[in-house]
């Protein structure tokens, strides 16, 4: 079971933008029909468990409600796209399924800043 916060267009400003002033926020832009999204989900769950004191883990299902508007706003071109937010701004991203070690390096690089 994922410990991720499920986002929507309505909750994004408070759960991501506002929260990113206190902690790094990771957003997983994903879709049900996307195979790489299903591959990376358990990897993210496992890695983010180790970072739960430093990173807020969130997921946005792009096909639910009006969530695609957020994908458009952030120019998401493929899924999954993983973004990090700090102080209300996107600071880094990657797309596609990646191994745990890549995700750890991705997070560590920003946590060290």
Protein backbone atom coordinates (compact mmCIF):
# COMPACT_ATOMS: atom_id res chain seq x y z
CA UNK A 1 0.00 0.00 0.00
CA UNK A 2 1.40 3.33 -1.06
CA UNK A 3 1.93 6.03 1.55
CA UNK A 4 1.58 8.67 -1.17
CA UNK A 5 -0.90 11.51 -0.90
CA UNK A 6 -3.38 11.37 -3.80
CA UNK A 7 -3.59 14.75 -5.50
CA UNK A 8 -6.26 16.53 -7.51
CA UNK A 9 -6.39 19.85 -9.34
CA UNK A 10 -8.06 21.33 -6.23
CA UNK A 11 -5.61 19.91 -3.64
CA UNK A 12 -2.41 20.56 -5.65
CA UNK A 13 -1.85 24.15 -4.38
CA UNK A 14 -1.98 23.18 -0.69
CA UNK A 15 -0.51 19.64 -0.86
CA UNK A 16 2.36 20.54 -3.21
CA UNK A 17 2.99 24.27 -3.57
CA UNK A 18 2.32 25.32 0.05
CA UNK A 19 3.83 22.14 1.54
CA UNK A 20 7.05 22.60 -0.49
CA UNK A 21 7.98 25.58 1.70
CA UNK A 22 8.45 23.13 4.61
CA UNK A 23 9.72 19.98 2.89
CA UNK A 24 10.74 18.73 -0.54
CA UNK A 25 7.62 17.46 -2.37
CA UNK A 26 7.81 14.68 -4.98
CA UNK A 27 4.92 14.49 -7.46
CA UNK A 28 4.40 11.36 -9.56
CA UNK A 29 2.35 12.31 -12.65
CA UNK A 30 0.98 8.91 -13.74
CA UNK A 31 -1.85 7.17 -15.60
CA UNK A 32 -3.63 3.82 -15.19
CA UNK A 33 -2.93 2.75 -18.77
CA UNK A 34 0.81 3.54 -18.57
CA UNK A 35 3.02 0.42 -18.18
CA UNK A 36 6.15 2.30 -16.99
CA UNK A 37 3.94 4.04 -14.38
CA UNK A 38 2.94 0.65 -12.99
CA UNK A 39 6.59 -0.48 -13.03
CA UNK A 40 7.92 2.54 -11.11
CA UNK A 41 5.09 2.76 -8.54
CA UNK A 42 6.38 0.01 -6.17
CA UNK A 43 9.95 1.32 -6.58
CA UNK A 44 8.84 4.83 -5.59
CA UNK A 45 6.85 3.42 -2.66
CA UNK A 46 9.92 1.57 -1.39
CA UNK A 47 12.41 4.41 -1.89
CA UNK A 48 10.12 7.14 -0.52
CA UNK A 49 9.55 5.12 2.66
CA UNK A 50 13.26 5.70 3.40
CA UNK A 51 12.85 9.45 2.79
CA UNK A 52 9.53 10.01 4.58
CA UNK A 53 11.07 12.46 7.10
CA UNK A 54 12.58 14.61 4.33
CA UNK A 55 10.25 14.26 1.30
CA UNK A 56 6.47 14.44 0.94
CA UNK A 57 5.37 11.78 -1.57
CA UNK A 58 2.37 12.61 -3.77
CA UNK A 59 0.73 11.07 -6.85
CA UNK A 60 -1.41 12.72 -9.52
CA UNK A 61 -3.53 10.43 -11.76
CA UNK A 62 -3.58 12.62 -14.88
CA UNK A 63 -6.80 11.11 -16.29
CA UNK A 64 -8.90 11.82 -13.18
CA UNK A 65 -11.14 14.87 -13.10
CA UNK A 66 -9.34 17.97 -14.34
CA UNK A 67 -5.85 16.75 -13.42
CA UNK A 68 -4.65 16.90 -17.04
CA UNK A 69 -4.68 20.71 -16.64
CA UNK A 70 -1.77 20.34 -14.20
CA UNK A 71 0.09 18.09 -16.63
CA UNK A 72 -0.40 20.81 -19.23
CA UNK A 73 0.65 23.61 -16.88
CA UNK A 74 3.92 21.80 -16.08
CA UNK A 75 4.47 20.71 -19.71
CA UNK A 76 4.47 17.01 -18.88
CA UNK A 77 5.12 15.19 -22.18
CA UNK A 78 5.23 11.56 -21.10
CA UNK A 79 4.32 9.38 -18.16
CA UNK A 80 5.41 8.78 -15.59
CA UNK A 81 6.99 12.17 -14.97
CA UNK A 82 8.42 12.63 -11.49
CA UNK A 83 8.89 16.23 -10.28
CA UNK A 84 10.40 17.74 -7.18
CA UNK A 85 9.12 21.00 -5.71
CA UNK A 86 10.82 23.34 -3.24
CA UNK A 87 9.59 26.77 -2.13
CA UNK A 88 6.62 26.63 -4.50
CA UNK A 89 8.68 25.91 -7.62
CA UNK A 90 9.62 22.84 -9.65
CA UNK A 91 13.35 22.24 -9.11
CA UNK A 92 13.95 18.96 -10.97
CA UNK A 93 12.22 16.17 -12.92
CA UNK A 94 12.70 12.91 -14.76
CA UNK A 95 10.47 10.77 -16.96
CA UNK A 96 10.07 7.03 -17.38
CA UNK A 97 10.63 4.07 -15.09
CA UNK A 98 13.98 4.21 -13.30
CA UNK A 99 15.69 1.89 -10.80
CA UNK A 100 15.71 2.62 -7.06
CA UNK A 101 19.35 3.73 -7.12
CA UNK A 102 18.57 6.42 -9.74
CA UNK A 103 15.68 7.74 -7.62
CA UNK A 104 17.87 7.82 -4.49
CA UNK A 105 20.56 9.84 -6.33
CA UNK A 106 17.83 12.13 -7.76
CA UNK A 107 16.53 12.86 -4.22
CA UNK A 108 19.95 13.08 -2.56
CA UNK A 109 21.14 15.63 -5.11
CA UNK A 110 18.34 18.01 -4.07
CA UNK A 111 18.41 17.23 -0.35
CA UNK A 112 22.11 18.12 -0.30
CA UNK A 113 21.35 21.59 -1.72
